[in-house]
Amino acid sequence: REMSIHTSRGCPFSCVFCSNPSLHGKKVRAYSVDRVISEVKAMKYQH
């Protein structure tokens, strides 16, 4: 059972082929470590 997670948004780089800065900005915002682990545990034990 595969499940995906994005623990952060944004990227400080500006690779020529990437549109990330126009969507999420160059400043990285991130979920807290506790939130990430809580989410992964829910994926494992509930799904």
All heavy atoms as atom14 arrays in JSON, in Angstrom:
{
  "sequence": "REMSIHTSRGCPFSCVFCSNPSLHGKKVRAYSVDRVISEVKAMKYQH",
  "atom14_mask": [
    [1, 1, 1, 1, 1, 1, 1, 1, 1, 1, 1, 0, 0, 0],
    [1, 1, 1, 1, 1, 1, 1, 1, 1, 0, 0, 0, 0, 0],
    [1, 1, 1, 1, 1, 1, 1, 1, 0, 0, 0, 0, 0, 0],
    [1, 1, 1, 1, 1, 1, 0, 0, 0, 0, 0, 0, 0, 0],
    [1, 1, 1, 1, 1, 1, 1, 1, 0, 0, 0, 0, 0, 0],
    [1, 1, 1, 1, 1, 1, 1, 1, 1, 1, 0, 0, 0, 0],
    [1, 1, 1, 1, 1, 1, 1, 0, 0, 0, 0, 0, 0, 0],
    [1, 1, 1, 1, 1, 1, 0, 0, 0, 0, 0, 0, 0, 0],
    [1, 1, 1, 1, 1, 1, 1, 1, 1, 1, 1, 0, 0, 0],
    [1, 1, 1, 1, 0, 0, 0, 0, 0, 0, 0, 0, 0, 0],
    [1, 1, 1, 1, 1, 1, 0, 0, 0, 0, 0, 0, 0, 0],
    [1, 1, 1, 1, 1, 1, 1, 0, 0, 0, 0, 0, 0, 0],
    [1, 1, 1, 1, 1, 1, 1, 1, 1, 1, 1, 0, 0, 0],
    [1, 1, 1, 1, 1, 1, 0, 0, 0, 0, 0, 0, 0, 0],
    [1, 1, 1, 1, 1, 1, 0, 0, 0, 0, 0, 0, 0, 0],
    [1, 1, 1, 1, 1, 1, 1, 0, 0, 0, 0, 0, 0, 0],
    [1, 1, 1, 1, 1, 1, 1, 1, 1, 1, 1, 0, 0, 0],
    [1, 1, 1, 1, 1, 1, 0, 0, 0, 0, 0, 0, 0, 0],
    [1, 1, 1, 1, 1, 1, 0, 0, 0, 0, 0, 0, 0, 0],
    [1, 1, 1, 1, 1, 1, 1, 1, 0, 0, 0, 0, 0, 0],
    [1, 1, 1, 1, 1, 1, 1, 0, 0, 0, 0, 0, 0, 0],
    [1, 1, 1, 1, 1, 1, 0, 0, 0, 0, 0, 0, 0, 0],
    [1, 1, 1, 1, 1, 1, 1, 1, 0, 0, 0, 0, 0, 0],
    [1, 1, 1, 1, 1, 1, 1, 1, 1, 1, 0, 0, 0, 0],
    [1, 1, 1, 1, 0, 0, 0, 0, 0, 0, 0, 0, 0, 0],
    [1, 1, 1, 1, 1, 1, 1, 1, 1, 0, 0, 0, 0, 0],
    [1, 1, 1, 1, 1, 1, 1, 1, 1, 0, 0, 0, 0, 0],
    [1, 1, 1, 1, 1, 1, 1, 0, 0, 0, 0, 0, 0, 0],
    [1, 1, 1, 1, 1, 1, 1, 1, 1, 1, 1, 0, 0, 0],
    [1, 1, 1, 1, 1, 0, 0, 0, 0, 0, 0, 0, 0, 0],
    [1, 1, 1, 1, 1, 1, 1, 1, 1, 1, 1, 1, 0, 0],
    [1, 1, 1, 1, 1, 1, 0, 0, 0, 0, 0, 0, 0, 0],
    [1, 1, 1, 1, 1, 1, 1, 0, 0, 0, 0, 0, 0, 0],
    [1, 1, 1, 1, 1, 1, 1, 1, 0, 0, 0, 0, 0, 0],
    [1, 1, 1, 1, 1, 1, 1, 1, 1, 1, 1, 0, 0, 0],
    [1, 1, 1, 1, 1, 1, 1, 0, 0, 0, 0, 0, 0, 0],
    [1, 1, 1, 1, 1, 1, 1, 1, 0, 0, 0, 0, 0, 0],
    [1, 1, 1, 1, 1, 1, 0, 0, 0, 0, 0, 0, 0, 0],
    [1, 1, 1, 1, 1, 1, 1, 1, 1, 0, 0, 0, 0, 0],
    [1, 1, 1, 1, 1, 1, 1, 0, 0, 0, 0, 0, 0, 0],
    [1, 1, 1, 1, 1, 1, 1, 1, 1, 0, 0, 0, 0, 0],
    [1, 1, 1, 1, 1, 0, 0, 0, 0, 0, 0, 0, 0, 0],
    [1, 1, 1, 1, 1, 1, 1, 1, 0, 0, 0, 0, 0, 0],
    [1, 1, 1, 1, 1, 1, 1, 1, 1, 0, 0, 0, 0, 0],
    [1, 1, 1, 1, 1, 1, 1, 1, 1, 1, 1, 1, 0, 0],
    [1, 1, 1, 1, 1, 1, 1, 1, 1, 0, 0, 0, 0, 0],
    [1, 1, 1, 1, 1, 1, 1, 1, 1, 1, 0, 0, 0, 0]
  ],
  "atom14_positions": [
    [[0.87, -1.17, 0.0], [0.0, 0.0, 0.0], [0.91, 1.22, 0.0], [1.57, 1.53, 0.99], [-0.91, 0.04, 1.22], [-1.51, 1.4, 1.55], [-2.58, 1.87, 0.55], [-3.79, 1.09, 0.72], [-4.47, 0.56, -0.3], [-4.01, 0.72, -1.53], [-5.56, -0.13, -0.09], [0.0, 0.0, 0.0], [0.0, 0.0, 0.0], [0.0, 0.0, 0.0]],
    [[0.98, 1.89, -1.16], [1.79, 3.09, -1.27], [0.97, 4.31, -0.88], [-0.19, 4.42, -1.25], [2.26, 3.28, -2.72], [3.07, 2.15, -3.28], [3.35, 2.33, -4.76], [2.93, 3.37, -5.34], [3.95, 1.43, -5.36], [0.0, 0.0, 0.0], [0.0, 0.0, 0.0], [0.0, 0.0, 0.0], [0.0, 0.0, 0.0], [0.0, 0.0, 0.0]],
    [[1.61, 5.22, -0.17], [0.98, 6.51, 0.1], [2.05, 7.59, 0.06], [3.2, 7.35, 0.44], [0.26, 6.5, 1.45], [-0.92, 5.52, 1.49], [-1.89, 5.59, 3.01], [-2.77, 7.14, 2.79], [0.0, 0.0, 0.0], [0.0, 0.0, 0.0], [0.0, 0.0, 0.0], [0.0, 0.0, 0.0], [0.0, 0.0, 0.0], [0.0, 0.0, 0.0]],
    [[1.65, 8.74, -0.42], [2.6, 9.85, -0.6], [2.44, 10.89, 0.5], [1.37, 11.06, 1.08], [2.36, 10.52, -1.95], [2.6, 9.64, -3.02], [0.0, 0.0, 0.0], [0.0, 0.0, 0.0], [0.0, 0.0, 0.0], [0.0, 0.0, 0.0], [0.0, 0.0, 0.0], [0.0, 0.0, 0.0], [0.0, 0.0, 0.0], [0.0, 0.0, 0.0]],
    [[3.53, 11.59, 0.74], [3.49, 12.72, 1.67], [4.41, 13.82, 1.15], [5.47, 13.55, 0.56], [3.92, 12.3, 3.09], [3.63, 13.42, 4.09], [5.38, 11.88, 3.15], [3.76, 13.0, 5.54], [0.0, 0.0, 0.0], [0.0, 0.0, 0.0], [0.0, 0.0, 0.0], [0.0, 0.0, 0.0], [0.0, 0.0, 0.0], [0.0, 0.0, 0.0]],
    [[3.96, 15.05, 1.29], [4.77, 16.23, 1.03], [4.98, 16.9, 2.38], [4.02, 17.47, 2.93], [4.07, 17.18, 0.07], [3.83, 16.62, -1.29], [4.42, 17.12, -2.43], [3.05, 15.57, -1.7], [4.01, 16.41, -3.48], [3.18, 15.47, -3.05], [0.0, 0.0, 0.0], [0.0, 0.0, 0.0], [0.0, 0.0, 0.0], [0.0, 0.0, 0.0]],
    [[6.17, 16.84, 2.92], [6.39, 17.39, 4.26], [6.73, 18.88, 4.22], [6.85, 19.51, 5.27], [7.52, 16.64, 5.0], [8.8, 17.09, 4.56], [7.42, 15.13, 4.8], [0.0, 0.0, 0.0], [0.0, 0.0, 0.0], [0.0, 0.0, 0.0], [0.0, 0.0, 0.0], [0.0, 0.0, 0.0], [0.0, 0.0, 0.0], [0.0, 0.0, 0.0]],
    [[6.89, 19.43, 3.02], [7.22, 20.86, 2.91], [6.73, 21.37, 1.56], [6.38, 20.6, 0.66], [8.73, 21.07, 3.04], [9.43, 20.42, 1.98], [0.0, 0.0, 0.0], [0.0, 0.0, 0.0], [0.0, 0.0, 0.0], [0.0, 0.0, 0.0], [0.0, 0.0, 0.0], [0.0, 0.0, 0.0], [0.0, 0.0, 0.0], [0.0, 0.0, 0.0]],
    [[6.72, 22.69, 1.44], [6.39, 23.35, 0.18], [7.43, 24.43, -0.09], [7.88, 25.11, 0.82], [5.0, 23.99, 0.23], [3.85, 23.01, 0.39], [2.51, 23.72, 0.42], [1.4, 22.8, 0.64], [0.12, 23.16, 0.7], [-0.2, 24.45, 0.57], [-0.83, 22.26, 0.9], [0.0, 0.0, 0.0], [0.0, 0.0, 0.0], [0.0, 0.0, 0.0]],
    [[7.75, 24.59, -1.36], [8.73, 25.61, -1.74], [10.09, 25.03, -1.98], [10.41, 23.93, -1.5], [0.0, 0.0, 0.0], [0.0, 0.0, 0.0], [0.0, 0.0, 0.0], [0.0, 0.0, 0.0], [0.0, 0.0, 0.0], [0.0, 0.0, 0.0], [0.0, 0.0, 0.0], [0.0, 0.0, 0.0], [0.0, 0.0, 0.0], [0.0, 0.0, 0.0]],
    [[10.9, 25.74, -2.73], [12.27, 25.3, -3.04], [13.13, 26.52, -3.27], [12.74, 27.43, -4.02], [12.27, 24.39, -4.27], [13.91, 23.75, -4.69], [0.0, 0.0, 0.0], [0.0, 0.0, 0.0], [0.0, 0.0, 0.0], [0.0, 0.0, 0.0], [0.0, 0.0, 0.0], [0.0, 0.0, 0.0], [0.0, 0.0, 0.0], [0.0, 0.0, 0.0]],
    [[14.32, 26.57, -2.66], [15.17, 27.76, -2.79], [15.91, 27.85, -4.12], [16.49, 28.88, -4.44], [16.18, 27.59, -1.64], [16.27, 26.11, -1.44], [14.89, 25.59, -1.72], [0.0, 0.0, 0.0], [0.0, 0.0, 0.0], [0.0, 0.0, 0.0], [0.0, 0.0, 0.0], [0.0, 0.0, 0.0], [0.0, 0.0, 0.0], [0.0, 0.0, 0.0]],
    [[15.89, 26.75, -4.9], [16.63, 26.74, -6.16], [15.78, 27.27, -7.3], [14.56, 27.42, -7.17], [17.13, 25.33, -6.47], [17.98, 24.75, -5.37], [17.69, 23.49, -4.85], [19.04, 25.45, -4.84], [18.45, 22.95, -3.83], [19.81, 24.93, -3.82], [19.52, 23.67, -3.31], [0.0, 0.0, 0.0], [0.0, 0.0, 0.0], [0.0, 0.0, 0.0]],
    [[16.41, 27.51, -8.43], [15.7, 28.05, -9.6], [16.11, 27.28, -10.85], [16.53, 27.88, -11.85], [16.0, 29.54, -9.77], [15.57, 30.27, -8.66], [0.0, 0.0, 0.0], [0.0, 0.0, 0.0], [0.0, 0.0, 0.0], [0.0, 0.0, 0.0], [0.0, 0.0, 0.0], [0.0, 0.0, 0.0], [0.0, 0.0, 0.0], [0.0, 0.0, 0.0]],
    [[16.01, 25.96, -10.82], [16.35, 25.15, -11.98], [15.49, 25.59, -13.16], [14.29, 25.84, -13.02], [16.16, 23.67, -11.69], [17.28, 23.02, -10.43], [0.0, 0.0, 0.0], [0.0, 0.0, 0.0], [0.0, 0.0, 0.0], [0.0, 0.0, 0.0], [0.0, 0.0, 0.0], [0.0, 0.0, 0.0], [0.0, 0.0, 0.0], [0.0, 0.0, 0.0]],
    [[16.09, 25.63, -14.33], [15.47, 26.26, -15.49], [14.16, 25.59, -15.9], [13.25, 26.25, -16.41], [16.47, 26.29, -16.67], [16.71, 24.88, -17.21], [16.02, 27.24, -17.76], [0.0, 0.0, 0.0], [0.0, 0.0, 0.0], [0.0, 0.0, 0.0], [0.0, 0.0, 0.0], [0.0, 0.0, 0.0], [0.0, 0.0, 0.0], [0.0, 0.0, 0.0]],
    [[14.04, 24.28, -15.67], [12.87, 23.55, -16.14], [11.76, 23.43, -15.09], [10.73, 22.81, -15.34], [13.26, 22.14, -16.6], [14.21, 21.45, -15.67], [13.82, 21.03, -14.42], [15.52, 21.24, -16.06], [14.71, 20.42, -13.56], [16.42, 20.62, -15.21], [16.02, 20.21, -13.96], [0.0, 0.0, 0.0], [0.0, 0.0, 0.0], [0.0, 0.0, 0.0]],
    [[11.95, 24.02, -13.92], [11.02, 23.83, -12.8], [10.1, 25.04, -12.64], [10.54, 26.19, -12.73], [11.8, 23.6, -11.51], [10.76, 23.3, -10.07], [0.0, 0.0, 0.0], [0.0, 0.0, 0.0], [0.0, 0.0, 0.0], [0.0, 0.0, 0.0], [0.0, 0.0, 0.0], [0.0, 0.0, 0.0], [0.0, 0.0, 0.0], [0.0, 0.0, 0.0]],
    [[8.82, 24.76, -12.37], [7.85, 25.84, -12.16], [7.55, 26.07, -10.69], [6.69, 26.88, -10.35], [6.54, 25.51, -12.89], [5.94, 24.36, -12.34], [0.0, 0.0, 0.0], [0.0, 0.0, 0.0], [0.0, 0.0, 0.0], [0.0, 0.0, 0.0], [0.0, 0.0, 0.0], [0.0, 0.0, 0.0], [0.0, 0.0, 0.0], [0.0, 0.0, 0.0]],
    [[8.25, 25.35, -9.8], [7.93, 25.42, -8.37], [7.89, 26.84, -7.81], [6.96, 27.19, -7.08], [8.9, 24.55, -7.58], [8.5, 24.41, -6.13], [8.61, 25.35, -5.35], [8.03, 23.22, -5.75], [0.0, 0.0, 0.0], [0.0, 0.0, 0.0], [0.0, 0.0, 0.0], [0.0, 0.0, 0.0], [0.0, 0.0, 0.0], [0.0, 0.0, 0.0]],
    [[8.88, 27.69, -8.12], [8.85, 29.05, -7.54], [7.58, 29.82, -7.87], [7.13, 30.64, -7.07], [10.09, 29.71, -8.15], [11.01, 28.58, -8.44], [10.12, 27.45, -8.88], [0.0, 0.0, 0.0], [0.0, 0.0, 0.0], [0.0, 0.0, 0.0], [0.0, 0.0, 0.0], [0.0, 0.0, 0.0], [0.0, 0.0, 0.0], [0.0, 0.0, 0.0]],
    [[6.99, 29.56, -9.04], [5.79, 30.3, -9.42], [4.55, 29.76, -8.71], [3.5, 30.39, -8.74], [5.58, 30.23, -10.93], [5.21, 28.93, -11.34], [0.0, 0.0, 0.0], [0.0, 0.0, 0.0], [0.0, 0.0, 0.0], [0.0, 0.0, 0.0], [0.0, 0.0, 0.0], [0.0, 0.0, 0.0], [0.0, 0.0, 0.0], [0.0, 0.0, 0.0]],
    [[4.68, 28.6, -8.07], [3.55, 27.99, -7.36], [3.66, 28.14, -5.86], [2.71, 28.51, -5.18], [3.46, 26.5, -7.72], [3.25, 26.16, -9.19], [3.36, 24.66, -9.39], [1.92, 26.67, -9.68], [0.0, 0.0, 0.0], [0.0, 0.0, 0.0], [0.0, 0.0, 0.0], [0.0, 0.0, 0.0], [0.0, 0.0, 0.0], [0.0, 0.0, 0.0]],
    [[4.82, 27.79, -5.33], [5.01, 27.71, -3.88], [6.03, 28.71, -3.34], [6.22, 28.78, -2.13], [5.46, 26.3, -3.48], [4.51, 25.22, -3.9], [3.23, 25.14, -3.43], [4.67, 24.19, -4.75], [2.63, 24.09, -3.97], [3.47, 23.5, -4.79], [0.0, 0.0, 0.0], [0.0, 0.0, 0.0], [0.0, 0.0, 0.0], [0.0, 0.0, 0.0]],
    [[6.68, 29.45, -4.22], [7.67, 30.42, -3.77], [9.02, 29.77, -3.5], [9.16, 28.55, -3.48], [0.0, 0.0, 0.0], [0.0, 0.0, 0.0], [0.0, 0.0, 0.0], [0.0, 0.0, 0.0], [0.0, 0.0, 0.0], [0.0, 0.0, 0.0], [0.0, 0.0, 0.0], [0.0, 0.0, 0.0], [0.0, 0.0, 0.0], [0.0, 0.0, 0.0]],
    [[10.02, 30.6, -3.25], [11.37, 30.08, -3.0], [11.61, 29.84, -1.51], [12.52, 29.11, -1.14], [12.41, 31.06, -3.55], [12.29, 31.26, -5.05], [13.49, 31.99, -5.62], [14.72, 31.1, -5.63], [15.84, 31.69, -6.37], [0.0, 0.0, 0.0], [0.0, 0.0, 0.0], [0.0, 0.0, 0.0], [0.0, 0.0, 0.0], [0.0, 0.0, 0.0]],
    [[10.8, 30.46, -0.67], [10.92, 30.21, 0.77], [10.27, 28.86, 1.08], [9.14, 28.6, 0.67], [10.23, 31.31, 1.55], [10.19, 31.08, 3.05], [9.33, 32.12, 3.75], [9.16, 31.8, 5.23], [8.25, 32.75, 5.91], [0.0, 0.0, 0.0], [0.0, 0.0, 0.0], [0.0, 0.0, 0.0], [0.0, 0.0, 0.0], [0.0, 0.0, 0.0]],
    [[10.98, 28.01, 1.81], [10.43, 26.7, 2.15], [9.61, 26.79, 3.43], [10.08, 27.3, 4.44], [11.57, 25.66, 2.33], [10.99, 24.3, 2.67], [12.41, 25.57, 1.06], [0.0, 0.0, 0.0], [0.0, 0.0, 0.0], [0.0, 0.0, 0.0], [0.0, 0.0, 0.0], [0.0, 0.0, 0.0], [0.0, 0.0, 0.0], [0.0, 0.0, 0.0]],
    [[8.37, 26.33, 3.34], [7.52, 26.19, 4.53], [7.36, 24.7, 4.79], [7.25, 23.92, 3.85], [6.14, 26.81, 4.27], [6.16, 28.33, 4.19], [4.92, 28.87, 3.48], [4.95, 28.55, 2.06], [3.97, 27.99, 1.39], [2.83, 27.67, 2.01], [4.08, 27.75, 0.11], [0.0, 0.0, 0.0], [0.0, 0.0, 0.0], [0.0, 0.0, 0.0]],
    [[7.34, 24.32, 6.05], [7.35, 22.89, 6.35], [6.37, 22.54, 7.46], [6.1, 23.33, 8.36], [8.76, 22.46, 6.77], [0.0, 0.0, 0.0], [0.0, 0.0, 0.0], [0.0, 0.0, 0.0], [0.0, 0.0, 0.0], [0.0, 0.0, 0.0], [0.0, 0.0, 0.0], [0.0, 0.0, 0.0], [0.0, 0.0, 0.0], [0.0, 0.0, 0.0]],
    [[5.81, 21.33, 7.36], [5.07, 20.77, 8.48], [6.04, 20.5, 9.61], [7.23, 20.2, 9.39], [4.41, 19.45, 8.07], [3.23, 19.6, 7.13], [3.39, 19.45, 5.76], [1.96, 19.85, 7.63], [2.31, 19.56, 4.9], [0.87, 19.96, 6.78], [1.06, 19.82, 5.41], [-0.02, 19.94, 4.57], [0.0, 0.0, 0.0], [0.0, 0.0, 0.0]],
    [[5.56, 20.58, 10.84], [6.41, 20.25, 11.99], [6.75, 18.76, 11.96], [6.02, 17.95, 11.35], [5.69, 20.59, 13.29], [4.56, 19.74, 13.47], [0.0, 0.0, 0.0], [0.0, 0.0, 0.0], [0.0, 0.0, 0.0], [0.0, 0.0, 0.0], [0.0, 0.0, 0.0], [0.0, 0.0, 0.0], [0.0, 0.0, 0.0], [0.0, 0.0, 0.0]],
    [[7.83, 18.39, 12.63], [8.22, 16.99, 12.71], [7.11, 16.16, 13.34], [6.77, 15.07, 12.86], [9.54, 16.83, 13.5], [9.87, 15.36, 13.72], [10.68, 17.54, 12.76], [0.0, 0.0, 0.0], [0.0, 0.0, 0.0], [0.0, 0.0, 0.0], [0.0, 0.0, 0.0], [0.0, 0.0, 0.0], [0.0, 0.0, 0.0], [0.0, 0.0, 0.0]],
    [[6.51, 16.68, 14.4], [5.44, 15.95, 15.08], [4.26, 15.71, 14.14], [3.67, 14.62, 14.14], [4.95, 16.73, 16.31], [5.95, 16.68, 17.46], [6.87, 15.83, 17.41], [5.83, 17.51, 18.38], [0.0, 0.0, 0.0], [0.0, 0.0, 0.0], [0.0, 0.0, 0.0], [0.0, 0.0, 0.0], [0.0, 0.0, 0.0], [0.0, 0.0, 0.0]],
    [[3.91, 16.71, 13.34], [2.79, 16.56, 12.42], [3.11, 15.51, 11.35], [2.27, 14.68, 11.0], [2.47, 17.9, 11.77], [1.55, 17.82, 10.56], [0.17, 17.23, 10.9], [-0.59, 17.02, 9.67], [-1.36, 17.93, 9.11], [-1.48, 19.14, 9.67], [-2.02, 17.66, 8.01], [0.0, 0.0, 0.0], [0.0, 0.0, 0.0], [0.0, 0.0, 0.0]],
    [[4.34, 15.53, 10.84], [4.74, 14.56, 9.82], [4.62, 13.14, 10.36], [4.04, 12.25, 9.72], [6.17, 14.83, 9.32], [6.66, 13.7, 8.43], [6.24, 16.17, 8.58], [0.0, 0.0, 0.0], [0.0, 0.0, 0.0], [0.0, 0.0, 0.0], [0.0, 0.0, 0.0], [0.0, 0.0, 0.0], [0.0, 0.0, 0.0], [0.0, 0.0, 0.0]],
    [[5.17, 12.93, 11.55], [5.16, 11.58, 12.12], [3.73, 11.14, 12.45], [3.36, 9.98, 12.22], [6.06, 11.51, 13.36], [7.5, 11.89, 12.99], [6.02, 10.12, 13.98], [8.09, 11.08, 11.84], [0.0, 0.0, 0.0], [0.0, 0.0, 0.0], [0.0, 0.0, 0.0], [0.0, 0.0, 0.0], [0.0, 0.0, 0.0], [0.0, 0.0, 0.0]],
    [[2.92, 12.06, 12.94], [1.53, 11.74, 13.22], [0.81, 11.31, 11.95], [0.02, 10.35, 11.95], [0.84, 12.97, 13.84], [-0.55, 12.76, 13.97], [0.0, 0.0, 0.0], [0.0, 0.0, 0.0], [0.0, 0.0, 0.0], [0.0, 0.0, 0.0], [0.0, 0.0, 0.0], [0.0, 0.0, 0.0], [0.0, 0.0, 0.0], [0.0, 0.0, 0.0]],
    [[1.07, 12.02, 10.86], [0.43, 11.69, 9.59], [0.87, 10.32, 9.08], [0.06, 9.52, 8.6], [0.78, 12.77, 8.55], [-0.01, 12.65, 7.29], [-0.83, 13.91, 7.02], [-1.05, 14.71, 7.93], [-1.24, 14.07, 5.87], [0.0, 0.0, 0.0], [0.0, 0.0, 0.0], [0.0, 0.0, 0.0], [0.0, 0.0, 0.0], [0.0, 0.0, 0.0]],
    [[2.15, 10.05, 9.17], [2.67, 8.76, 8.69], [2.11, 7.61, 9.54], [1.75, 6.55, 9.01], [4.21, 8.75, 8.69], [4.74, 7.37, 8.3], [4.76, 9.81, 7.74], [0.0, 0.0, 0.0], [0.0, 0.0, 0.0], [0.0, 0.0, 0.0], [0.0, 0.0, 0.0], [0.0, 0.0, 0.0], [0.0, 0.0, 0.0], [0.0, 0.0, 0.0]],
    [[2.01, 7.83, 10.84], [1.43, 6.79, 11.71], [-0.02, 6.51, 11.32], [-0.46, 5.35, 11.3], [1.53, 7.21, 13.17], [2.93, 7.09, 13.76], [2.94, 7.53, 15.22], [4.33, 7.36, 15.83], [4.37, 7.82, 17.24], [0.0, 0.0, 0.0], [0.0, 0.0, 0.0], [0.0, 0.0, 0.0], [0.0, 0.0, 0.0], [0.0, 0.0, 0.0]],
    [[-0.77, 7.57, 11.02], [-2.16, 7.38, 10.6], [-2.21, 6.6, 9.29], [-3.08, 5.73, 9.1], [-2.85, 8.73, 10.45], [0.0, 0.0, 0.0], [0.0, 0.0, 0.0], [0.0, 0.0, 0.0], [0.0, 0.0, 0.0], [0.0, 0.0, 0.0], [0.0, 0.0, 0.0], [0.0, 0.0, 0.0], [0.0, 0.0, 0.0], [0.0, 0.0, 0.0]],
    [[-1.31, 6.89, 8.37], [-1.26, 6.15, 7.1], [-1.0, 4.67, 7.36], [-1.64, 3.8, 6.76], [-0.15, 6.72, 6.21], [-0.4, 8.1, 5.66], [1.05, 8.68, 4.73], [0.46, 10.26, 4.12], [0.0, 0.0, 0.0], [0.0, 0.0, 0.0], [0.0, 0.0, 0.0], [0.0, 0.0, 0.0], [0.0, 0.0, 0.0], [0.0, 0.0, 0.0]],
    [[-0.08, 4.39, 8.27], [0.29, 3.01, 8.54], [-0.82, 2.26, 9.28], [-1.21, 1.14, 8.88], [1.58, 2.97, 9.36], [2.0, 1.55, 9.81], [3.27, 1.6, 10.65], [3.56, 0.26, 11.31], [3.96, -0.8, 10.39], [0.0, 0.0, 0.0], [0.0, 0.0, 0.0], [0.0, 0.0, 0.0], [0.0, 0.0, 0.0], [0.0, 0.0, 0.0]],
    [[-1.35, 2.84, 10.32], [-2.27, 2.11, 11.19], [-3.73, 2.21, 10.77], [-4.53, 1.31, 11.08], [-2.1, 2.58, 12.63], [-0.71, 2.3, 13.18], [0.14, 3.34, 13.55], [-0.24, 0.99, 13.28], [1.42, 3.08, 14.02], [1.04, 0.73, 13.75], [1.87, 1.77, 14.12], [3.14, 1.52, 14.58], [0.0, 0.0, 0.0], [0.0, 0.0, 0.0]],
    [[-4.09, 3.27, 10.07], [-5.49, 3.4, 9.61], [-5.7, 2.94, 8.17], [-6.8, 2.53, 7.81], [-5.95, 4.86, 9.76], [-5.99, 5.36, 11.19], [-6.37, 6.83, 11.27], [-6.98, 7.39, 10.36], [-5.99, 7.47, 12.38], [0.0, 0.0, 0.0], [0.0, 0.0, 0.0], [0.0, 0.0, 0.0], [0.0, 0.0, 0.0], [0.0, 0.0, 0.0]],
    [[-4.64, 3.04, 7.36], [-4.8, 2.73, 5.93], [-3.88, 1.6, 5.47], [-3.78, 1.36, 4.27], [-4.56, 3.98, 5.09], [-5.47, 5.12, 5.43], [-6.81, 5.13, 5.11], [-5.24, 6.28, 6.11], [-7.36, 6.25, 5.54], [-6.43, 6.97, 6.16], [0.0, 0.0, 0.0], [0.0, 0.0, 0.0], [0.0, 0.0, 0.0], [0.0, 0.0, 0.0]]
  ]
}
